Amino acid sequence: MSMLPSLRVKLWAFCLVIICSAVGLVITAQQSPETETTLGADLQETPTFRSGVTLVTTDVIPRDENGLFIPDLNKEEIKIFEDGQLQEIASLVLVHGGRVYNQLLPPPPVQEGIVLPPARPVSDTAGRIFIIFVDDLHLQTGLTPKVRQVFKKVADTLIHEGDMFGIISSGPSAINVQMTYDRDLLYSAMGKITGDGFSNQDIVEQLAGGPGGPTELRWRAHKAFKLARDIVRNLEDVENRRKAFIYLSSGYDFNPFEYERFRRSAVGQAMRDVQEQMGGSSDSFYRGVSDRDVDMFNVNERQGTVFADTDLALEVKQLTLAANRANASFYTVDPRGLVAGPDIGYDVPIREWRDHVFQTQNSLRLLAELTGGMAVVNRNDFEDALEEIDAETSDYYVLGFYSSNPDPTFRTRRLRVEVDREDVTLRHRTHYSFPRAQEDSGNQ
C-alpha cells in the first residue's frame, strides 16, 4: 500500500544528510590562476601545502532587534570561524539597497588587503542579478494563468530598475532572454508561458514505468536540472554580488501515485478480478486484497520508492553543488500555492495525493535550503514572500577569507560568523565544500 508520509519523511531526511555531507550550504572555494601558479612553484621546491591559496566567500545578513538590516559593520566587528578556528577576513563587500560598496578588496594570498572608503560603484557593478527559471515541464497546462500571475508579481515586486536579469524556460514555452536591464522583456516573456506538465490523470493512466516510477518523469526532471546547472555555471565568474535564482516549478516526484498506477495495471486488474469472483467489490480493492499480495506489493513499492528518492536526491545534489560554487541562492516558488486536495476532475486516493504533494514540495525546499535561499511553497501570499526575497537580495555582506587549513582532504567545512554587537541576528551559510576534480571539469 502507499508509503506512509512518516516513512517518506525519514527517507528524505536520510537523503538530506547525504547531500549536506557532500554539498554543504555555501559557496565552494574559488581559486585564481595567479595563486594556482604560486602553489605549483612552491610544490616543486618542497612537498608541503601552502596555506592561504583559496579565497572562500560567503554571504551574511545581519539584522538588529527590530529586524532591520545593519549597514555600518566594519571588519573589526566581524569574526568568521572555519571548523572552530578564527580566520582573518581578506575581503568585505557591502551590498545595500542593491548597490555594491567595496570596503576591503581581496588581497593576493600573501599580501594584506587595501581598505577603501565606501563609495557608490560604477554602473556596471550596480544593481542585482536574477535568473528567472520557468520549469514549464513541471507546470500543468491548467495552471498557466496562475503561473503568469505569479510571474507578474515577480516582475512588479522583485525586479527593479538597474537589476540585471535573464529568463529561460525548460520546455515548450521557448523563453530565452539573455542577461539584460530591459524590463519590457519581462512582460513579453510572461505572455509566452504555457504549462506542459503531466496531470494526475496523465500520470496514472498514460505513463509507463517500473517500480522506480515512469521514465518520462525522470527524463523531464533531468532535462530541467541539467539546464539549471548549465545556467549557474555561467554565473561563477560574477563576484561580490548575490545571484538569485527564481525557480518557478511544481516540484518533483519520480514515483507518484505508485499504488494507484499498480491498481490500474494488468496485475492489479487480475487481482481485482479474483476479488470479484470471491464476492468482493472492486471498489474495496484497497481494503480487500490478501495480506500476502499486500506484502508482495509493499516490498516492490518500497524498493521503487527508495530508488526514485535516491535518484532525485542525486539530481538535487548536482544542482546545489553547481549553485554553491557560483554563490547562487535558489528561491523556489510553487505557483500552485496552498494545496487543499486532489483535482476535482480526476480523483486519486487522498493518502497518495498527500505523499505526492509532500514529495514535490520537499524537493523545492531542499533546493532552497541547500543554497541559502528560501522556498515559497504551500502558501498564497506570494507578494509578501517576494518582498522578503527582495530584502534579502538587496542588503547583505560578502565576506572572504583564505583558509588557514591547507589540507584538501577536508572537503566540507563548517562556518560560523559572529558580530561584536548586542541583539544582532545573523543569517549565513553554515558550511562550504571544495569541489572534486570531476566536478571542476563539469562532468556531473
Protein backbone atom coordinates (compact mmCIF):
# COMPACT_ATOMS: atom_id res chain seq x y z
CA MET A 1 0.00 0.00 0.00
CA SER A 2 1.09 3.60 -0.28
CA MET A 3 4.10 4.55 1.75
CA LEU A 4 3.17 6.43 4.91
CA PRO A 5 4.24 10.10 4.97
CA SER A 6 6.29 9.50 8.11
CA LEU A 7 8.38 6.84 6.34
CA ARG A 8 8.94 9.13 3.37
CA VAL A 9 9.95 11.93 5.74
CA LYS A 10 12.60 9.64 7.27
CA LEU A 11 13.84 8.68 3.80
CA TRP A 12 14.13 12.29 2.71
CA ALA A 13 15.88 13.17 5.96
CA PHE A 14 18.43 10.45 5.19
CA CYS A 15 18.91 11.84 1.67
CA LEU A 16 19.32 15.32 3.15
CA VAL A 17 22.13 14.10 5.42
CA ILE A 18 23.89 12.56 2.41
CA ILE A 19 23.55 15.75 0.38
CA CYS A 20 24.69 18.02 3.22
CA SER A 21 27.80 15.92 3.76
CA ALA A 22 28.74 16.31 0.11
CA VAL A 23 27.42 19.76 -0.65
CA GLY A 24 27.35 21.92 2.47
CA LEU A 25 25.24 25.05 2.50
CA VAL A 26 27.57 27.64 0.99
CA ILE A 27 29.61 28.74 -1.92
CA THR A 28 32.52 26.48 -2.61
CA ALA A 29 36.02 27.83 -2.71
CA GLN A 30 37.37 29.83 -5.65
CA GLN A 31 40.99 29.75 -6.83
CA SER A 32 42.59 32.27 -9.18
CA PRO A 33 45.20 31.37 -11.84
CA GLU A 34 47.76 33.55 -10.08
CA THR A 35 47.53 31.69 -6.78
CA GLU A 36 47.47 28.37 -8.63
CA THR A 37 50.79 29.22 -10.29
CA THR A 38 52.30 30.23 -6.95
CA LEU A 39 51.23 26.97 -5.40
CA GLY A 40 52.76 24.98 -8.29
CA ALA A 41 56.10 26.74 -7.87
CA ASP A 42 56.14 26.01 -4.14
CA LEU A 43 55.38 22.34 -4.63
CA GLN A 44 58.45 21.99 -6.87
CA GLU A 45 60.65 23.14 -4.00
CA THR A 46 59.03 21.38 -1.05
CA PRO A 47 56.34 18.68 -0.72
CA THR A 48 54.16 20.69 1.69
CA PHE A 49 50.90 22.50 1.14
CA ARG A 50 50.83 26.24 1.38
CA SER A 51 48.01 27.90 3.26
CA GLY A 52 46.16 30.94 2.01
CA VAL A 53 45.74 29.94 -1.65
CA THR A 54 41.96 29.62 -1.69
CA LEU A 55 39.60 32.55 -1.25
CA VAL A 56 36.38 31.44 0.42
CA THR A 57 33.38 33.77 0.25
CA THR A 58 30.03 33.69 1.99
CA ASP A 59 27.02 36.00 2.27
CA VAL A 60 26.00 37.35 5.68
CA ILE A 61 22.76 39.17 6.54
CA PRO A 62 22.86 40.93 9.95
CA ARG A 63 19.67 42.39 11.44
CA ASP A 64 19.01 44.31 14.66
CA GLU A 65 16.35 43.58 17.27
CA ASN A 66 13.74 45.27 15.06
CA GLY A 67 14.59 43.10 12.08
CA LEU A 68 16.31 45.93 10.22
CA PHE A 69 19.47 45.41 8.20
CA ILE A 70 22.68 46.77 9.78
CA PRO A 71 24.66 48.60 7.05
CA ASP A 72 27.57 50.03 9.07
CA LEU A 73 29.57 47.00 10.19
CA ASN A 74 33.33 47.08 9.75
CA LYS A 75 36.00 44.43 9.58
CA GLU A 76 36.91 44.69 13.27
CA GLU A 77 33.35 43.90 14.37
CA ILE A 78 33.03 40.69 12.37
CA LYS A 79 34.56 37.32 13.16
CA ILE A 80 34.39 34.28 10.93
CA PHE A 81 35.34 30.77 12.04
CA GLU A 82 36.12 27.70 9.95
CA ASP A 83 35.76 24.44 11.88
CA GLY A 84 36.02 26.49 15.05
CA GLN A 85 39.26 28.27 14.03
CA LEU A 86 39.21 32.06 13.71
CA GLN A 87 40.05 33.23 10.18
CA GLU A 88 41.42 36.55 9.01
CA ILE A 89 38.94 38.47 6.86
CA ALA A 90 40.57 39.21 3.50
CA SER A 91 37.66 40.90 1.74
CA LEU A 92 34.50 42.65 2.82
CA VAL A 93 31.85 43.86 0.40
CA LEU A 94 28.64 45.62 1.42
CA VAL A 95 25.59 45.40 -0.81
CA HIS A 96 22.99 47.89 0.41
CA GLY A 97 19.85 48.82 -1.44
CA GLY A 98 21.09 46.74 -4.35
CA ARG A 99 24.28 48.83 -4.60
CA VAL A 100 27.77 47.40 -4.18
CA TYR A 101 30.35 49.02 -1.92
CA ASN A 102 33.86 47.56 -1.70
CA GLN A 103 35.04 48.05 1.86
CA LEU A 104 38.00 45.68 1.71
CA LEU A 105 39.33 44.25 -1.53
CA PRO A 106 40.67 40.67 -1.54
CA PRO A 107 44.48 40.71 -1.40
CA PRO A 108 46.91 38.34 -3.07
CA PRO A 109 47.49 35.21 -0.97
CA VAL A 110 50.47 36.60 0.90
CA GLN A 111 49.67 40.33 0.98
CA GLU A 112 47.49 42.50 3.14
CA GLY A 113 44.31 43.95 1.66
CA ILE A 114 43.66 47.61 0.98
CA VAL A 115 40.95 49.34 2.99
CA LEU A 116 38.83 51.63 0.81
CA PRO A 117 36.18 54.10 1.91
CA PRO A 118 32.63 53.13 0.98
CA ALA A 119 31.79 54.55 -2.43
CA ARG A 120 28.99 54.21 -4.92
CA PRO A 121 30.15 51.82 -7.63
CA VAL A 122 30.14 52.47 -11.34
CA SER A 123 27.01 51.44 -13.21
CA ASP A 124 28.30 48.07 -14.37
CA THR A 125 28.53 46.84 -10.77
CA ALA A 126 25.24 48.35 -9.60
CA GLY A 127 22.01 46.50 -9.17
CA ARG A 128 21.41 42.82 -8.62
CA ILE A 129 21.48 39.66 -10.68
CA PHE A 130 18.39 37.49 -11.14
CA ILE A 131 17.76 34.37 -13.16
CA ILE A 132 14.06 33.52 -13.60
CA PHE A 133 13.72 29.85 -14.44
CA VAL A 134 10.27 28.78 -15.64
CA ASP A 135 10.13 25.00 -15.39
CA ASP A 136 7.12 24.59 -17.68
CA LEU A 137 7.85 20.87 -17.99
CA HIS A 138 6.62 20.60 -14.40
CA LEU A 139 3.74 23.09 -14.51
CA GLN A 140 0.36 21.69 -15.54
CA THR A 141 -1.37 23.33 -18.51
CA GLY A 142 -4.36 24.26 -16.38
CA LEU A 143 -2.02 26.14 -14.05
CA THR A 144 -0.84 28.51 -16.81
CA PRO A 145 -2.99 31.55 -15.84
CA LYS A 146 -1.83 31.33 -12.22
CA VAL A 147 1.80 30.91 -13.26
CA ARG A 148 1.54 34.08 -15.32
CA GLN A 149 0.04 35.91 -12.35
CA VAL A 150 2.89 34.81 -10.10
CA PHE A 151 5.42 35.75 -12.79
CA LYS A 152 3.88 39.24 -12.97
CA LYS A 153 4.24 39.59 -9.20
CA VAL A 154 7.92 38.69 -9.58
CA ALA A 155 8.33 41.33 -12.27
CA ASP A 156 6.48 44.03 -10.31
CA THR A 157 7.79 43.28 -6.81
CA LEU A 158 11.27 41.84 -7.21
CA ILE A 159 12.90 43.19 -10.37
CA HIS A 160 13.78 46.91 -10.10
CA GLU A 161 15.42 49.40 -12.41
CA GLY A 162 19.16 48.67 -12.58
CA ASP A 163 18.74 44.96 -11.85
CA MET A 164 20.19 42.59 -14.41
CA PHE A 165 18.08 39.55 -15.16
CA GLY A 166 17.69 36.66 -17.55
CA ILE A 167 14.69 34.42 -18.24
CA ILE A 168 14.66 30.87 -19.54
CA SER A 169 12.15 28.02 -19.69
CA SER A 170 12.80 24.30 -19.55
CA GLY A 171 10.26 23.27 -22.17
CA PRO A 172 7.95 24.31 -25.00
CA SER A 173 7.37 27.88 -23.80
CA ALA A 174 10.71 28.50 -25.54
CA ILE A 175 11.67 31.51 -23.41
CA ASN A 176 15.32 32.54 -23.67
CA VAL A 177 16.01 36.12 -22.59
CA GLN A 178 19.73 36.79 -22.24
CA MET A 179 21.01 38.92 -19.35
CA THR A 180 19.53 42.38 -19.74
CA TYR A 181 18.29 45.50 -17.92
CA ASP A 182 15.26 45.90 -20.21
CA ARG A 183 12.19 45.40 -18.02
CA ASP A 184 9.87 45.33 -21.04
CA LEU A 185 11.23 41.88 -21.83
CA LEU A 186 9.80 40.64 -18.54
CA TYR A 187 6.24 41.18 -19.65
CA SER A 188 6.74 39.94 -23.20
CA ALA A 189 8.18 36.70 -21.78
CA MET A 190 5.22 36.36 -19.42
CA GLY A 191 2.84 36.02 -22.35
CA LYS A 192 4.78 33.02 -23.68
CA ILE A 193 4.45 30.91 -20.53
CA THR A 194 2.46 27.73 -21.14
CA GLY A 195 2.49 24.82 -18.71
CA ASP A 196 3.28 21.41 -20.18
CA GLY A 197 3.39 19.25 -17.06
CA PHE A 198 1.50 16.00 -16.61
CA SER A 199 -1.86 15.98 -14.88
CA ASN A 200 -2.84 13.35 -12.31
CA GLN A 201 -4.82 11.53 -14.97
CA ASP A 202 -1.84 11.53 -17.35
CA ILE A 203 0.44 10.07 -14.67
CA VAL A 204 -1.94 7.32 -13.62
CA GLU A 205 -3.35 6.28 -17.00
CA GLN A 206 -0.72 7.07 -19.62
CA LEU A 207 2.79 6.94 -18.19
CA ALA A 208 4.50 3.57 -18.25
CA GLY A 209 7.24 2.64 -15.80
CA GLY A 210 8.51 0.06 -13.39
CA PRO A 211 8.70 0.13 -9.59
CA GLY A 212 11.05 3.12 -9.80
CA GLY A 213 8.42 5.27 -11.48
CA PRO A 214 7.70 6.47 -15.03
CA THR A 215 10.81 7.03 -17.14
CA GLU A 216 9.25 10.08 -18.78
CA LEU A 217 9.13 11.90 -15.44
CA ARG A 218 12.80 11.18 -14.82
CA TRP A 219 13.78 12.38 -18.29
CA ARG A 220 11.88 15.65 -17.86
CA ALA A 221 13.37 16.30 -14.43
CA HIS A 222 16.88 15.51 -15.69
CA LYS A 223 16.41 17.95 -18.56
CA ALA A 224 15.27 20.73 -16.21
CA PHE A 225 18.06 20.12 -13.68
CA LYS A 226 20.74 19.98 -16.37
CA LEU A 227 19.58 23.26 -17.89
CA ALA A 228 19.61 24.91 -14.46
CA ARG A 229 23.14 23.59 -13.78
CA ASP A 230 24.41 24.98 -17.08
CA ILE A 231 22.97 28.39 -16.23
CA VAL A 232 24.52 28.68 -12.76
CA ARG A 233 27.90 27.56 -14.08
CA ASN A 234 27.87 30.60 -16.34
CA LEU A 235 27.48 32.78 -13.24
CA GLU A 236 30.66 31.60 -11.50
CA ASP A 237 32.77 34.48 -12.85
CA VAL A 238 30.49 37.12 -11.31
CA GLU A 239 31.88 38.03 -7.88
CA ASN A 240 30.83 40.08 -4.85
CA ARG A 241 27.15 40.05 -5.72
CA ARG A 242 24.43 37.72 -4.60
CA LYS A 243 22.91 35.85 -7.51
CA ALA A 244 19.27 34.97 -7.01
CA PHE A 245 17.80 32.07 -8.98
CA ILE A 246 14.00 32.37 -9.03
CA TYR A 247 12.80 28.84 -9.71
CA LEU A 248 9.14 28.52 -10.78
CA SER A 249 8.10 24.86 -10.61
CA SER A 250 5.57 22.49 -9.05
CA GLY A 251 8.41 20.28 -7.82
CA TYR A 252 9.45 16.69 -8.49
CA ASP A 253 8.27 13.21 -7.66
CA PHE A 254 9.87 10.36 -9.61
CA ASN A 255 7.38 7.73 -8.46
CA PRO A 256 3.96 9.37 -7.94
CA PHE A 257 0.71 7.55 -7.21
CA GLU A 258 2.55 4.22 -7.23
CA TYR A 259 -0.30 2.20 -5.74
CA GLU A 260 -2.95 3.74 -7.98
CA ARG A 261 -0.82 3.02 -11.04
CA PHE A 262 -0.35 -0.55 -9.83
CA ARG A 263 -4.08 -0.96 -9.27
CA ARG A 264 -4.74 0.04 -12.89
CA SER A 265 -2.00 -2.20 -14.29
CA ALA A 266 -2.58 -5.69 -15.71
CA VAL A 267 -1.50 -7.29 -12.43
CA GLY A 268 -3.77 -5.03 -10.44
CA GLN A 269 -6.68 -5.76 -12.76
CA ALA A 270 -6.13 -9.51 -12.30
CA MET A 271 -6.19 -9.08 -8.54
CA ARG A 272 -9.47 -7.18 -8.76
CA ASP A 273 -10.98 -9.85 -10.98
CA VAL A 274 -10.05 -12.54 -8.43
CA GLN A 275 -11.53 -10.46 -5.66
CA GLU A 276 -14.80 -10.01 -7.55
CA GLN A 277 -15.01 -13.76 -8.17
CA MET A 278 -14.69 -14.27 -4.43
CA GLY A 279 -17.65 -12.00 -3.83
CA GLY A 280 -15.77 -8.76 -3.09
CA SER A 281 -16.26 -5.44 -4.81
CA SER A 282 -13.57 -3.92 -6.99
CA ASP A 283 -14.20 -0.66 -5.15
CA SER A 284 -12.88 -2.28 -1.98
CA PHE A 285 -9.56 -3.11 -3.61
CA TYR A 286 -7.57 -1.10 -1.10
CA ARG A 287 -9.25 -2.85 1.80
CA GLY A 288 -9.83 -6.36 0.50
CA VAL A 289 -6.64 -7.72 -1.06
CA SER A 290 -4.90 -10.50 0.82
CA ASP A 291 -2.09 -9.84 3.23
CA ARG A 292 0.30 -11.84 1.04
CA ASP A 293 -0.49 -9.70 -2.02
CA VAL A 294 -0.21 -6.52 0.00
CA ASP A 295 3.15 -7.62 1.45
CA MET A 296 4.42 -8.51 -2.03
CA PHE A 297 3.40 -5.15 -3.39
CA ASN A 298 4.84 -3.28 -0.41
CA VAL A 299 8.26 -4.84 -1.00
CA ASN A 300 8.30 -3.77 -4.66
CA GLU A 301 6.83 -0.38 -3.87
CA ARG A 302 9.30 0.48 -1.14
CA GLN A 303 12.24 -0.64 -3.24
CA GLY A 304 11.00 1.51 -6.11
CA THR A 305 10.40 4.47 -3.82
CA VAL A 306 13.90 4.19 -2.36
CA PHE A 307 15.42 4.12 -5.85
CA ALA A 308 13.26 7.02 -7.01
CA ASP A 309 14.01 9.18 -3.96
CA THR A 310 17.73 8.41 -4.17
CA ASP A 311 17.87 9.34 -7.85
CA LEU A 312 16.02 12.59 -7.13
CA ALA A 313 18.39 13.36 -4.24
CA LEU A 314 21.37 12.90 -6.58
CA GLU A 315 19.85 15.33 -9.09
CA VAL A 316 19.34 17.87 -6.30
CA LYS A 317 22.90 17.31 -5.08
CA GLN A 318 24.42 18.02 -8.51
CA LEU A 319 22.41 21.20 -8.95
CA THR A 320 23.19 22.53 -5.47
CA LEU A 321 26.90 21.80 -5.94
CA ALA A 322 26.92 23.95 -9.07
CA ALA A 323 24.86 26.67 -7.38
CA ASN A 324 27.13 26.82 -4.34
CA ARG A 325 30.23 27.14 -6.49
CA ALA A 326 28.61 30.08 -8.26
CA ASN A 327 27.39 31.61 -4.96
CA ALA A 328 23.84 31.49 -6.36
CA SER A 329 20.89 31.17 -3.99
CA PHE A 330 17.76 29.37 -5.14
CA TYR A 331 14.37 30.89 -4.35
CA THR A 332 11.90 28.19 -5.31
CA VAL A 333 8.30 29.27 -5.97
CA ASP A 334 5.44 26.78 -6.31
CA PRO A 335 2.67 28.56 -8.27
CA ARG A 336 0.11 26.03 -7.02
CA GLY A 337 0.02 27.97 -3.80
CA LEU A 338 -1.82 26.47 -0.86
CA VAL A 339 -2.66 22.90 -1.91
CA ALA A 340 -6.02 21.84 -0.46
CA GLY A 341 -6.73 18.48 -2.11
CA PRO A 342 -6.73 16.41 -5.29
CA ASP A 343 -8.04 17.76 -8.58
CA ILE A 344 -11.82 17.77 -8.76
CA GLY A 345 -11.81 16.48 -12.32
CA TYR A 346 -9.82 13.36 -11.55
CA ASP A 347 -9.71 11.98 -8.05
CA VAL A 348 -6.94 9.82 -6.60
CA PRO A 349 -6.73 8.30 -3.11
CA ILE A 350 -6.15 11.08 -0.62
CA ARG A 351 -3.20 9.34 1.06
CA GLU A 352 -1.38 9.04 -2.26
CA TRP A 353 -2.15 12.64 -3.05
CA ARG A 354 -0.62 13.76 0.24
CA ASP A 355 2.51 11.68 -0.43
CA HIS A 356 2.81 13.25 -3.88
CA VAL A 357 2.36 16.81 -2.61
CA PHE A 358 4.88 16.22 0.18
CA GLN A 359 7.45 14.90 -2.28
CA THR A 360 7.09 17.74 -4.77
CA GLN A 361 7.15 20.45 -2.12
CA ASN A 362 10.05 18.87 -0.28
CA SER A 363 12.17 18.79 -3.45
CA LEU A 364 11.71 22.55 -3.78
CA ARG A 365 12.52 23.09 -0.10
CA LEU A 366 15.77 21.14 -0.48
CA LEU A 367 16.90 23.23 -3.46
CA ALA A 368 16.34 26.41 -1.46
CA GLU A 369 17.76 25.27 1.89
CA LEU A 370 20.93 23.77 0.40
CA THR A 371 21.78 27.00 -1.43
CA GLY A 372 20.93 29.52 1.28
CA GLY A 373 17.69 30.66 -0.35
CA MET A 374 14.01 30.38 0.54
CA ALA A 375 11.17 28.12 -0.56
CA VAL A 376 7.78 29.69 -1.30
CA VAL A 377 5.61 26.57 -1.14
CA ASN A 378 2.13 25.81 0.16
CA ARG A 379 1.28 29.49 0.60
CA ASN A 380 -0.79 32.03 -1.29
CA ASP A 381 0.84 35.24 -0.04
CA PHE A 382 3.27 35.41 -2.94
CA GLU A 383 3.68 39.18 -2.71
CA ASP A 384 4.79 39.05 0.94
CA ALA A 385 7.25 36.27 0.14
CA LEU A 386 8.67 38.19 -2.82
CA GLU A 387 9.12 41.27 -0.67
CA GLU A 388 11.11 39.16 1.77
CA ILE A 389 13.27 37.88 -1.08
CA ASP A 390 13.67 41.46 -2.29
CA ALA A 391 15.02 42.49 1.11
CA GLU A 392 17.41 39.53 1.30
CA THR A 393 18.88 40.21 -2.12
CA SER A 394 19.19 43.96 -1.58
CA ASP A 395 21.08 44.10 1.73
CA TYR A 396 23.93 41.79 2.72
CA TYR A 397 27.69 41.50 3.19
CA VAL A 398 30.06 39.26 1.27
CA LEU A 399 32.94 38.06 3.48
CA GLY A 400 36.07 36.50 2.09
CA PHE A 401 38.99 34.72 3.76
CA TYR A 402 41.89 32.44 2.91
CA SER A 403 41.50 29.19 4.79
CA SER A 404 44.18 28.52 7.40
CA ASN A 405 43.72 24.77 6.89
CA PRO A 406 45.59 23.74 3.71
CA ASP A 407 44.62 20.06 3.86
CA PRO A 408 42.48 19.39 0.73
CA THR A 409 41.18 16.10 2.16
CA PHE A 410 38.87 18.08 4.46
CA ARG A 411 36.40 18.94 1.70
CA THR A 412 33.37 20.01 3.76
CA ARG A 413 33.98 22.59 6.46
CA ARG A 414 31.79 24.35 8.99
CA LEU A 415 31.39 28.11 9.03
CA ARG A 416 30.31 30.37 11.87
CA VAL A 417 30.05 34.17 11.83
CA GLU A 418 29.86 36.41 14.89
CA VAL A 419 29.33 40.16 15.24
CA ASP A 420 30.53 42.23 18.21
CA ARG A 421 27.21 43.96 18.78
CA GLU A 422 24.27 43.18 21.02
CA ASP A 423 20.90 41.88 19.84
CA VAL A 424 22.07 41.06 16.34
CA THR A 425 20.68 38.09 14.42
CA LEU A 426 22.74 36.69 11.59
CA ARG A 427 21.74 34.66 8.58
CA HIS A 428 24.55 32.98 6.72
CA ARG A 429 25.52 29.64 5.30
CA THR A 430 26.93 27.17 7.74
CA HIS A 431 29.18 25.02 5.51
CA TYR A 432 31.18 25.16 2.34
CA SER A 433 32.62 22.39 0.20
CA PHE A 434 35.62 22.08 -2.10
CA PRO A 435 34.74 20.57 -5.50
CA ARG A 436 36.24 17.32 -6.64
CA ALA A 437 38.29 17.19 -9.82
CA GLN A 438 35.44 15.76 -11.91
CA GLU A 439 33.10 18.48 -10.61
CA ASP A 440 35.55 21.17 -11.69
CA SER A 441 35.60 19.70 -15.19
CA GLY A 442 31.81 19.79 -15.34
CA ASN A 443 31.31 16.03 -15.53
CA GLN A 444 28.33 15.79 -13.24
